[in-house]
Amino acid sequence: MSTAVQRLYFVGIGGIGMSGLARYFRRAGAVVGGYDRTPSALTESLAAEGMAIHFDEVPASIPDALRERPSDVLVVRTPAVPASSPLLAWWTAAGARIVKRSELLGLITRDRHTYAVAGTHGKTTVSTLLTHLLHSGGVPVNAFLGGISANYNTNVLLDEGAVANVVEADEYDRSFLQLRPTDAIITAADPDHLDIYGTPEAMLEAYSAFADLCTGSLLVHERVKTVLPALKADTYAIGGHGVPRAEQVEVREGAYHFDLVTGGVTLRGLRLGMAGRHNVENATAAAAMALRAGVAPEAVRAALASFRGVERRFQTILGGPAMVFIDDYAHHPAELDAAIRSARELHPTRRLTIVFQPHLFTRTRDLADGFARSLAGADRLYLLDIYPAREEPIPGITSAWLLERIDMSDKHLVGRDELIARLSAERPELLLTLGAGDIDRLVPRIADALQHPAAA
């Protein structure tokens, strides 16, 4: 398989990772098309860039330009699409080569120096921030990101003069073992995706195998080193004993300020353009790696201040004296803890209302105690139904079951329309929406209801 392939069809083209690869090959001159379940802003952008996309699983809908000589087409699939898909069956019968997204991304990482960012949480922010630091600091890169960068309004950054790749290394389905990283960061290794790994120990073995693939420098959070002590890696954290580390972290005028201590230089009085204490740790990792890549210290300082974050990563939707609305992709108990802590630190006097959409039946079952503990940190909780994604329901595992486990009184299981009506009437002073399913589609409705309560 070669990166010079000229005809590609993506099954699940609207996914954040798949769309990045589709854009990479389309801009290289390839004929690209694909299928996705529903239209979205991403599929609209891809269509505008010249890709033919359809939204039904009927093989006859496959673009004519790709139906011709199907055995010459490279078909890329995401694990979210079941093997029983009639589209995959058609391509198999037609003799096309079918690969997973991770295989294609792995091939790209063999082309040039690659910075890979792995971790059960934080990897999207760190990879996006590292991309911004390198790009702003004069190191041209191709970047494949797991979210939409607010600075560049895209999930893929392509540069004809690129000397390096930045990639998000996804642990799901052991995808990151297809990569060939030069330098790597591991942000966290908390138990997750146990439907794939079976046990936390098996997941840690995969992270260790990923670390072994790294041929250059490896930087891991201190918590990762505690569960994988054999890793030969530098550690980072807020405070702590290793380098790099962040010190003197404080909130001033709604922004986080900190000092960055590395083995070679200390940068004092840095300002981070993205909110959240957990993002100070993410910035510590990204900035340290950028310095190692040769970005000048003052360029790092400027880029940290100009970083505007990633869509759905502690993103302020509405902000004002009477009401603050923050949206975050958090879908793991550790991520919920980080978002809740940051919201309270930034707005310590406000009453916190949380809306949470659990993601996956297996994750809800496996991490129920952690979710119950984290969500009890709200003053008021609204719980939506579980978003199933690729999974079938598990008997007894429901949002109502989870709600019973949460030790708080002001908690409610709600549907979407009821949620909008309640929020419109209550107008919470601090609202935090959390989840990785399709709760993002509710965000504009919520914002409109909060701004125009009479119309909700």
Protein backbone atom coordinates (compact mmCIF):
# COMPACT_ATOMS: atom_id res chain seq x y z
CA MET A 1 0.00 0.00 0.00
CA SER A 2 1.32 3.42 -0.95
CA THR A 3 0.43 6.96 0.06
CA ALA A 4 0.34 7.65 -3.69
CA VAL A 5 -3.01 5.82 -3.99
CA GLN A 6 -5.32 7.77 -6.29
CA ARG A 7 -8.85 6.45 -5.63
CA LEU A 8 -10.27 6.07 -2.13
CA TYR A 9 -13.68 5.37 -0.62
CA PHE A 10 -14.29 5.98 3.11
CA VAL A 11 -16.98 4.07 4.98
CA GLY A 12 -17.74 6.53 7.79
CA ILE A 13 -16.21 9.54 6.05
CA GLY A 14 -17.84 12.04 8.43
CA GLY A 15 -15.90 10.81 11.45
CA ILE A 16 -13.31 13.21 12.82
CA GLY A 17 -10.38 10.90 12.06
CA MET A 18 -11.68 9.62 8.74
CA SER A 19 -12.42 13.10 7.42
CA GLY A 20 -8.85 14.18 8.12
CA LEU A 21 -7.44 11.36 6.02
CA ALA A 22 -9.99 12.04 3.27
CA ARG A 23 -8.85 15.66 3.13
CA TYR A 24 -5.18 14.63 3.05
CA PHE A 25 -5.64 12.45 -0.02
CA ARG A 26 -8.10 14.77 -1.76
CA ARG A 27 -5.64 17.66 -1.50
CA ALA A 28 -2.97 15.35 -2.90
CA GLY A 29 -5.12 15.01 -6.02
CA ALA A 30 -6.87 11.70 -5.34
CA VAL A 31 -10.49 10.93 -6.21
CA VAL A 32 -12.23 10.59 -2.83
CA GLY A 33 -15.78 9.68 -1.89
CA GLY A 34 -17.58 7.96 0.90
CA TYR A 35 -20.58 7.11 3.05
CA ASP A 36 -21.76 8.39 6.39
CA ARG A 37 -24.89 7.75 8.40
CA THR A 38 -26.04 11.36 8.71
CA PRO A 39 -25.13 14.74 7.19
CA SER A 40 -23.06 17.07 9.36
CA ALA A 41 -21.00 20.21 9.15
CA LEU A 42 -17.98 18.03 8.42
CA THR A 43 -19.63 16.18 5.52
CA GLU A 44 -20.78 19.53 4.09
CA SER A 45 -17.17 20.75 4.19
CA LEU A 46 -15.91 17.58 2.54
CA ALA A 47 -18.49 17.86 -0.24
CA ALA A 48 -17.47 21.48 -0.81
CA GLU A 49 -13.89 20.25 -1.25
CA GLY A 50 -14.93 17.95 -4.10
CA MET A 51 -15.81 14.67 -2.40
CA ALA A 52 -18.96 12.76 -3.37
CA ILE A 53 -20.77 11.62 -0.22
CA HIS A 54 -23.97 9.61 0.25
CA PHE A 55 -26.01 8.83 3.35
CA ASP A 56 -27.66 5.48 2.62
CA GLU A 57 -26.05 2.05 2.66
CA VAL A 58 -27.15 1.20 -0.85
CA PRO A 59 -24.19 0.15 -3.05
CA ALA A 60 -25.84 1.82 -6.05
CA SER A 61 -25.21 5.16 -4.33
CA ILE A 62 -21.45 4.71 -4.50
CA PRO A 63 -20.08 7.46 -6.80
CA ASP A 64 -19.71 6.38 -10.44
CA ALA A 65 -16.07 7.52 -10.52
CA LEU A 66 -15.28 4.91 -7.87
CA ARG A 67 -17.63 2.15 -9.07
CA GLU A 68 -15.52 1.94 -12.24
CA ARG A 69 -12.56 -0.40 -11.78
CA PRO A 70 -13.50 -1.09 -8.12
CA SER A 71 -10.53 -3.38 -7.62
CA ASP A 72 -8.30 -0.29 -7.97
CA VAL A 73 -10.06 1.51 -5.12
CA LEU A 74 -8.68 1.58 -1.59
CA VAL A 75 -11.60 1.29 0.84
CA VAL A 76 -11.03 2.70 4.31
CA ARG A 77 -13.30 1.66 7.17
CA THR A 78 -13.72 2.76 10.75
CA PRO A 79 -14.34 0.24 13.56
CA ALA A 80 -17.65 2.03 14.19
CA VAL A 81 -19.01 0.52 10.95
CA PRO A 82 -19.98 -3.15 11.43
CA ALA A 83 -18.50 -5.83 9.20
CA SER A 84 -22.06 -6.66 8.11
CA SER A 85 -22.40 -3.35 6.26
CA PRO A 86 -23.79 -3.93 2.73
CA LEU A 87 -21.28 -1.40 1.43
CA LEU A 88 -18.36 -3.41 2.78
CA ALA A 89 -19.92 -6.56 1.34
CA TRP A 90 -20.16 -4.93 -2.12
CA TRP A 91 -16.55 -3.73 -2.06
CA THR A 92 -15.36 -7.15 -0.89
CA ALA A 93 -17.19 -8.88 -3.74
CA ALA A 94 -15.78 -6.31 -6.18
CA GLY A 95 -12.21 -7.16 -5.16
CA ALA A 96 -11.31 -3.85 -3.52
CA ARG A 97 -8.65 -3.69 -0.84
CA ILE A 98 -10.22 -2.80 2.52
CA VAL A 99 -8.12 -1.35 5.35
CA LYS A 100 -8.81 0.20 8.74
CA ARG A 101 -8.32 3.90 9.22
CA SER A 102 -5.42 3.21 11.58
CA GLU A 103 -3.55 1.29 8.88
CA LEU A 104 -3.72 4.23 6.50
CA LEU A 105 -2.68 6.72 9.17
CA GLY A 106 0.15 4.38 10.14
CA LEU A 107 1.41 4.46 6.57
CA ILE A 108 1.49 8.25 6.61
CA THR A 109 3.55 8.25 9.82
CA ARG A 110 6.29 6.36 8.02
CA ASP A 111 6.78 9.25 5.58
CA ARG A 112 8.40 11.74 7.95
CA HIS A 113 9.24 12.56 11.57
CA THR A 114 6.04 11.92 13.57
CA TYR A 115 4.89 13.30 16.90
CA ALA A 116 2.16 11.02 18.28
CA VAL A 117 -0.07 11.89 21.24
CA ALA A 118 -1.83 9.05 23.05
CA GLY A 119 -3.95 8.86 26.20
CA THR A 120 -7.43 8.04 27.44
CA HIS A 121 -8.05 11.77 27.71
CA GLY A 122 -6.27 14.97 26.75
CA LYS A 123 -4.78 13.73 23.49
CA THR A 124 -6.90 15.93 21.23
CA THR A 125 -6.01 19.10 23.11
CA VAL A 126 -2.31 18.22 23.36
CA SER A 127 -1.99 17.26 19.68
CA THR A 128 -3.85 20.40 18.58
CA LEU A 129 -1.79 22.64 20.85
CA LEU A 130 1.46 20.97 19.76
CA THR A 131 0.45 21.58 16.14
CA HIS A 132 -0.20 25.26 16.90
CA LEU A 133 3.12 25.62 18.71
CA LEU A 134 5.10 24.01 15.89
CA HIS A 135 3.25 25.84 13.12
CA SER A 136 3.53 29.20 14.88
CA GLY A 137 7.17 28.51 15.73
CA GLY A 138 8.24 27.90 12.15
CA VAL A 139 8.17 24.10 12.01
CA PRO A 140 5.88 23.17 9.08
CA VAL A 141 3.73 20.11 9.85
CA ASN A 142 0.91 17.94 8.60
CA ALA A 143 -1.48 17.36 11.49
CA PHE A 144 -4.29 14.82 11.89
CA LEU A 145 -6.40 15.87 14.87
CA GLY A 146 -9.34 14.41 16.77
CA GLY A 147 -11.20 17.71 17.00
CA ILE A 148 -11.78 21.00 15.21
CA SER A 149 -9.04 23.49 16.04
CA ALA A 150 -10.50 26.89 16.86
CA ASN A 151 -7.37 28.59 15.49
CA TYR A 152 -7.57 26.93 12.07
CA ASN A 153 -11.23 25.83 11.92
CA THR A 154 -10.24 22.36 10.75
CA ASN A 155 -9.22 18.93 12.01
CA VAL A 156 -6.35 18.57 9.56
CA LEU A 157 -3.50 20.97 8.88
CA LEU A 158 -1.55 20.33 5.67
CA ASP A 159 1.67 22.04 4.58
CA GLU A 160 3.43 21.28 1.29
CA GLY A 161 6.74 21.91 3.04
CA ALA A 162 5.92 19.73 6.05
CA VAL A 163 8.95 18.23 7.80
CA ALA A 164 6.89 16.39 10.44
CA ASN A 165 3.50 14.89 11.24
CA VAL A 166 1.45 15.42 14.37
CA VAL A 167 -1.06 12.62 14.91
CA GLU A 168 -3.56 11.68 17.56
CA ALA A 169 -2.83 8.10 18.61
CA ASP A 170 -6.14 6.36 19.34
CA GLU A 171 -6.05 3.45 21.78
CA TYR A 172 -9.47 2.14 20.71
CA ASP A 173 -9.16 -1.22 18.94
CA ARG A 174 -5.37 -0.97 19.55
CA SER A 175 -5.26 1.41 16.57
CA PHE A 176 -2.19 3.27 17.85
CA LEU A 177 -0.07 0.14 17.40
CA GLN A 178 -0.24 0.75 13.63
CA LEU A 179 1.69 4.02 14.01
CA ARG A 180 5.42 4.60 13.81
CA PRO A 181 6.06 7.55 16.12
CA THR A 182 9.40 9.27 16.39
CA ASP A 183 8.50 11.22 19.54
CA ALA A 184 5.44 10.55 21.65
CA ILE A 185 3.38 11.88 24.55
CA ILE A 186 1.07 9.76 26.73
CA THR A 187 -1.37 11.95 28.64
CA ALA A 188 -3.26 9.32 30.65
CA ALA A 189 -3.81 5.59 30.94
CA ASP A 190 -6.98 5.30 32.99
CA PRO A 191 -9.10 2.18 32.34
CA ASP A 192 -11.33 2.61 29.29
CA HIS A 193 -12.50 0.63 26.25
CA LEU A 194 -12.73 -2.50 28.39
CA ASP A 195 -15.12 -3.90 25.76
CA ILE A 196 -12.00 -4.19 23.59
CA TYR A 197 -9.28 -4.91 26.14
CA GLY A 198 -11.18 -6.97 28.68
CA THR A 199 -9.06 -5.85 31.64
CA PRO A 200 -7.18 -2.70 32.65
CA GLU A 201 -3.97 -4.76 32.61
CA ALA A 202 -4.45 -5.64 28.94
CA MET A 203 -4.99 -1.97 28.13
CA LEU A 204 -1.76 -1.05 29.93
CA GLU A 205 0.09 -3.71 27.95
CA ALA A 206 -1.07 -1.98 24.76
CA TYR A 207 0.19 1.38 26.02
CA SER A 208 3.53 -0.20 26.84
CA ALA A 209 3.68 -1.65 23.32
CA PHE A 210 2.90 1.79 21.88
CA ALA A 211 5.72 3.32 23.94
CA ASP A 212 8.10 0.68 22.58
CA LEU A 213 7.34 1.88 19.04
CA CYS A 214 8.70 5.34 19.85
CA THR A 215 12.24 5.80 18.50
CA GLY A 216 12.86 9.26 19.95
CA SER A 217 11.80 11.04 23.14
CA LEU A 218 8.87 9.83 25.22
CA LEU A 219 7.03 12.18 27.58
CA VAL A 220 4.31 10.85 29.90
CA HIS A 221 2.16 12.25 32.68
CA GLU A 222 3.34 11.35 36.17
CA ARG A 223 0.17 9.27 36.68
CA VAL A 224 1.09 7.17 33.65
CA LYS A 225 4.51 6.43 35.11
CA THR A 226 2.88 5.18 38.32
CA VAL A 227 0.93 2.50 36.44
CA LEU A 228 3.69 1.79 33.88
CA PRO A 229 6.85 2.21 35.99
CA ALA A 230 9.07 0.41 33.49
CA LEU A 231 8.65 3.10 30.84
CA LYS A 232 11.84 4.95 29.96
CA ALA A 233 10.30 8.39 29.79
CA ASP A 234 10.37 11.91 31.17
CA THR A 235 7.35 12.88 33.22
CA TYR A 236 5.27 16.04 33.41
CA ALA A 237 2.60 17.39 35.75
CA ILE A 238 1.53 20.45 37.70
CA GLY A 239 4.06 20.56 40.51
CA GLY A 240 5.49 17.11 40.95
CA HIS A 241 9.11 16.10 40.92
CA GLY A 242 9.94 15.69 37.24
CA VAL A 243 10.66 17.99 34.35
CA PRO A 244 8.93 19.46 32.54
CA ARG A 245 6.46 20.71 35.15
CA ALA A 246 4.12 23.63 35.70
CA GLU A 247 4.46 25.80 38.79
CA GLN A 248 2.74 28.86 40.27
CA VAL A 249 -0.57 28.09 38.58
CA GLU A 250 -3.20 30.74 39.18
CA VAL A 251 -6.31 32.22 37.64
CA ARG A 252 -6.13 35.92 36.78
CA GLU A 253 -8.83 37.77 34.85
CA GLY A 254 -10.44 34.53 33.76
CA ALA A 255 -7.24 32.96 32.35
CA TYR A 256 -4.68 30.50 33.66
CA HIS A 257 -1.12 31.72 34.24
CA PHE A 258 1.81 29.49 35.12
CA ASP A 259 5.57 28.97 35.03
CA LEU A 260 7.04 26.22 32.85
CA VAL A 261 10.15 24.49 34.17
CA THR A 262 12.08 22.30 31.74
CA GLY A 263 15.55 20.81 31.77
CA GLY A 264 16.91 23.61 29.61
CA VAL A 265 14.82 26.71 30.20
CA THR A 266 12.25 28.14 32.60
CA LEU A 267 9.49 30.30 31.15
CA ARG A 268 7.78 32.43 33.77
CA GLY A 269 4.41 34.15 33.67
CA LEU A 270 2.95 32.18 30.75
CA ARG A 271 -0.67 32.81 29.85
CA LEU A 272 -2.78 30.02 28.36
CA GLY A 273 -5.45 31.08 25.89
CA MET A 274 -7.59 28.02 26.72
CA ALA A 275 -9.43 27.67 30.02
CA GLY A 276 -9.14 24.73 32.43
CA ARG A 277 -6.56 23.68 35.03
CA HIS A 278 -6.19 20.32 33.27
CA ASN A 279 -5.22 22.23 30.15
CA VAL A 280 -2.25 23.72 32.00
CA GLU A 281 -0.94 20.16 32.23
CA ASN A 282 -1.74 19.61 28.56
CA ALA A 283 0.13 22.81 27.71
CA THR A 284 3.13 21.67 29.76
CA ALA A 285 3.49 18.54 27.65
CA ALA A 286 2.95 20.28 24.31
CA ALA A 287 5.26 23.19 25.10
CA ALA A 288 8.04 20.91 26.31
CA MET A 289 7.86 18.87 23.11
CA ALA A 290 7.80 22.02 20.98
CA LEU A 291 10.94 23.30 22.72
CA ARG A 292 12.63 19.98 21.99
CA ALA A 293 11.63 20.41 18.34
CA GLY A 294 13.52 23.69 18.22
CA VAL A 295 10.72 26.23 18.69
CA ALA A 296 12.12 29.35 20.34
CA PRO A 297 11.01 30.01 23.95
CA GLU A 298 9.39 33.35 23.12
CA ALA A 299 7.54 31.76 20.21
CA VAL A 300 6.20 29.17 22.66
CA ARG A 301 5.08 31.97 24.97
CA ALA A 302 3.23 33.78 22.19
CA ALA A 303 1.60 30.61 20.81
CA LEU A 304 0.31 29.51 24.23
CA ALA A 305 -1.37 32.88 24.64
CA SER A 306 -2.89 32.80 21.14
CA PHE A 307 -4.18 29.22 21.39
CA ARG A 308 -7.98 29.32 21.20
CA GLY A 309 -8.62 25.68 21.99
CA VAL A 310 -10.60 22.91 20.34
CA GLU A 311 -14.31 22.65 19.70
CA ARG A 312 -16.05 20.88 22.60
CA ARG A 313 -12.95 20.92 24.81
CA PHE A 314 -14.00 23.13 27.73
CA GLN A 315 -15.44 25.58 25.23
CA THR A 316 -17.26 28.63 26.56
CA ILE A 317 -20.49 28.96 24.57
CA LEU A 318 -21.98 31.84 26.54
CA GLY A 319 -20.30 34.06 29.08
CA GLY A 320 -21.60 37.00 31.06
CA PRO A 321 -22.32 38.34 34.52
CA ALA A 322 -25.60 36.44 34.85
CA MET A 323 -24.85 33.19 33.04
CA VAL A 324 -21.92 31.04 31.86
CA PHE A 325 -22.42 28.04 29.56
CA ILE A 326 -19.46 25.70 28.95
CA ASP A 327 -19.49 22.62 26.71
CA ASP A 328 -17.00 19.75 26.97
CA TYR A 329 -16.44 16.37 25.30
CA ALA A 330 -15.76 14.67 28.67
CA HIS A 331 -17.05 11.08 28.69
CA HIS A 332 -14.79 9.36 31.26
CA PRO A 333 -14.96 9.94 35.04
CA ALA A 334 -11.46 11.45 35.11
CA GLU A 335 -12.45 13.87 32.36
CA LEU A 336 -15.64 14.81 34.21
CA ASP A 337 -13.58 15.48 37.34
CA ALA A 338 -11.23 17.78 35.42
CA ALA A 339 -14.04 19.74 33.77
CA ILE A 340 -16.00 20.14 37.00
CA ARG A 341 -12.93 21.24 38.94
CA SER A 342 -12.01 23.83 36.31
CA ALA A 343 -15.56 25.18 36.10
CA ARG A 344 -15.71 25.65 39.85
CA GLU A 345 -12.22 27.16 39.98
CA LEU A 346 -13.09 29.72 37.31
CA HIS A 347 -16.54 30.49 38.76
CA PRO A 348 -16.35 29.66 42.47
CA THR A 349 -19.52 31.49 43.55
CA ARG A 350 -21.90 30.12 40.94
CA ARG A 351 -24.28 27.18 41.35
CA LEU A 352 -23.27 24.42 38.93
CA THR A 353 -25.81 22.65 36.71
CA ILE A 354 -24.53 19.68 34.70
CA VAL A 355 -26.13 17.99 31.69
CA PHE A 356 -24.49 14.64 30.93
CA GLN A 357 -25.05 12.16 28.11
CA PRO A 358 -23.38 8.81 28.90
CA HIS A 359 -21.49 7.31 25.96
CA LEU A 360 -21.68 3.55 25.34
CA PHE A 361 -23.44 0.91 27.40
CA THR A 362 -20.19 -0.90 28.16
CA ARG A 363 -18.41 2.22 29.40
CA THR A 364 -21.39 3.15 31.56
CA ARG A 365 -21.43 -0.36 33.06
CA ASP A 366 -17.66 -0.66 33.55
CA LEU A 367 -17.12 2.81 35.03
CA ALA A 368 -20.46 3.34 36.79
CA ASP A 369 -18.98 3.95 40.24
CA GLY A 370 -16.62 6.57 38.84
CA PHE A 371 -19.42 8.31 36.95
CA ALA A 372 -21.61 8.33 40.06
CA ARG A 373 -18.86 9.89 42.16
CA SER A 374 -17.95 12.50 39.54
CA LEU A 375 -21.51 13.59 38.73
CA ALA A 376 -22.32 14.03 42.41
CA GLY A 377 -20.05 17.07 42.18
CA ALA A 378 -22.87 19.02 40.52
CA ASP A 379 -25.41 21.12 42.39
CA ARG A 380 -28.07 20.01 39.91
CA LEU A 381 -27.81 17.16 37.41
CA TYR A 382 -29.75 16.41 34.23
CA LEU A 383 -29.02 12.97 32.78
CA LEU A 384 -29.83 12.08 29.17
CA ASP A 385 -30.23 8.57 27.77
CA ILE A 386 -27.10 6.59 26.97
CA TYR A 387 -25.70 7.24 23.49
CA PRO A 388 -25.15 3.74 22.02
CA ALA A 389 -22.81 4.53 19.09
CA ARG A 390 -21.69 1.13 17.79
CA GLU A 391 -23.25 -0.92 20.60
CA GLU A 392 -26.45 -2.84 21.22
CA PRO A 393 -28.26 -2.24 24.55
CA ILE A 394 -27.17 -4.21 27.60
CA PRO A 395 -30.09 -5.39 29.78
CA GLY A 396 -30.29 -3.35 32.97
CA ILE A 397 -27.68 -0.76 31.92
CA THR A 398 -29.62 2.46 31.48
CA SER A 399 -29.36 6.08 32.50
CA ALA A 400 -32.07 5.43 35.10
CA TRP A 401 -29.84 2.70 36.57
CA LEU A 402 -26.90 5.10 36.68
CA LEU A 403 -29.00 7.88 38.19
CA GLU A 404 -29.92 5.68 41.15
CA ARG A 405 -26.22 5.28 41.98
CA ILE A 406 -25.54 9.03 42.18
CA ASP A 407 -25.62 10.31 45.77
CA MET A 408 -27.41 13.64 45.38
CA SER A 409 -30.98 14.86 45.65
CA ASP A 410 -31.29 17.37 42.79
CA LYS A 411 -30.92 14.86 39.94
CA HIS A 412 -33.24 14.27 37.00
CA LEU A 413 -33.54 11.91 34.04
CA VAL A 414 -34.79 13.99 31.11
CA GLY A 415 -35.52 13.85 27.40
CA ARG A 416 -34.22 16.46 25.02
CA ASP A 417 -37.32 18.65 24.77
CA GLU A 418 -37.89 18.54 28.52
CA LEU A 419 -34.26 19.53 29.07
CA ILE A 420 -34.56 22.57 26.82
CA ALA A 421 -37.75 23.68 28.56
CA ARG A 422 -36.24 23.27 32.03
CA LEU A 423 -33.05 25.14 31.19
CA SER A 424 -35.03 27.93 29.56
CA ALA A 425 -37.15 28.32 32.67
CA GLU A 426 -34.33 27.95 35.20
CA ARG A 427 -31.59 29.90 33.38
CA PRO A 428 -28.73 28.33 35.38
CA GLU A 429 -25.91 30.67 36.37
CA LEU A 430 -23.24 28.06 35.49
CA LEU A 431 -24.10 25.30 33.01
CA LEU A 432 -21.75 22.51 31.95
CA THR A 433 -22.78 20.10 29.17
CA LEU A 434 -20.73 16.91 28.99
CA GLY A 435 -20.59 13.88 26.71
CA ALA A 436 -19.14 12.36 23.55
CA GLY A 437 -22.31 11.26 21.77
CA ASP A 438 -24.60 13.62 19.88
CA ILE A 439 -25.14 16.06 22.75
CA ASP A 440 -23.20 18.57 20.65
CA ARG A 441 -26.29 18.88 18.44
CA LEU A 442 -28.21 20.13 21.47
CA VAL A 443 -25.71 22.88 22.25
CA PRO A 444 -27.10 25.45 19.76
CA ARG A 445 -30.65 24.76 21.00
CA ILE A 446 -29.58 25.20 24.61
CA ALA A 447 -27.73 28.42 23.83
CA ASP A 448 -30.75 29.79 21.99
CA ALA A 449 -33.09 28.82 24.83
CA LEU A 450 -30.86 30.52 27.39
CA GLN A 451 -30.60 33.70 25.33
CA HIS A 452 -34.27 33.77 24.25
CA PRO A 453 -36.22 31.98 26.98
CA ALA A 454 -39.61 33.06 25.74
CA ALA A 455 -39.09 31.25 22.43
CA ALA A 456 -38.02 27.89 23.94
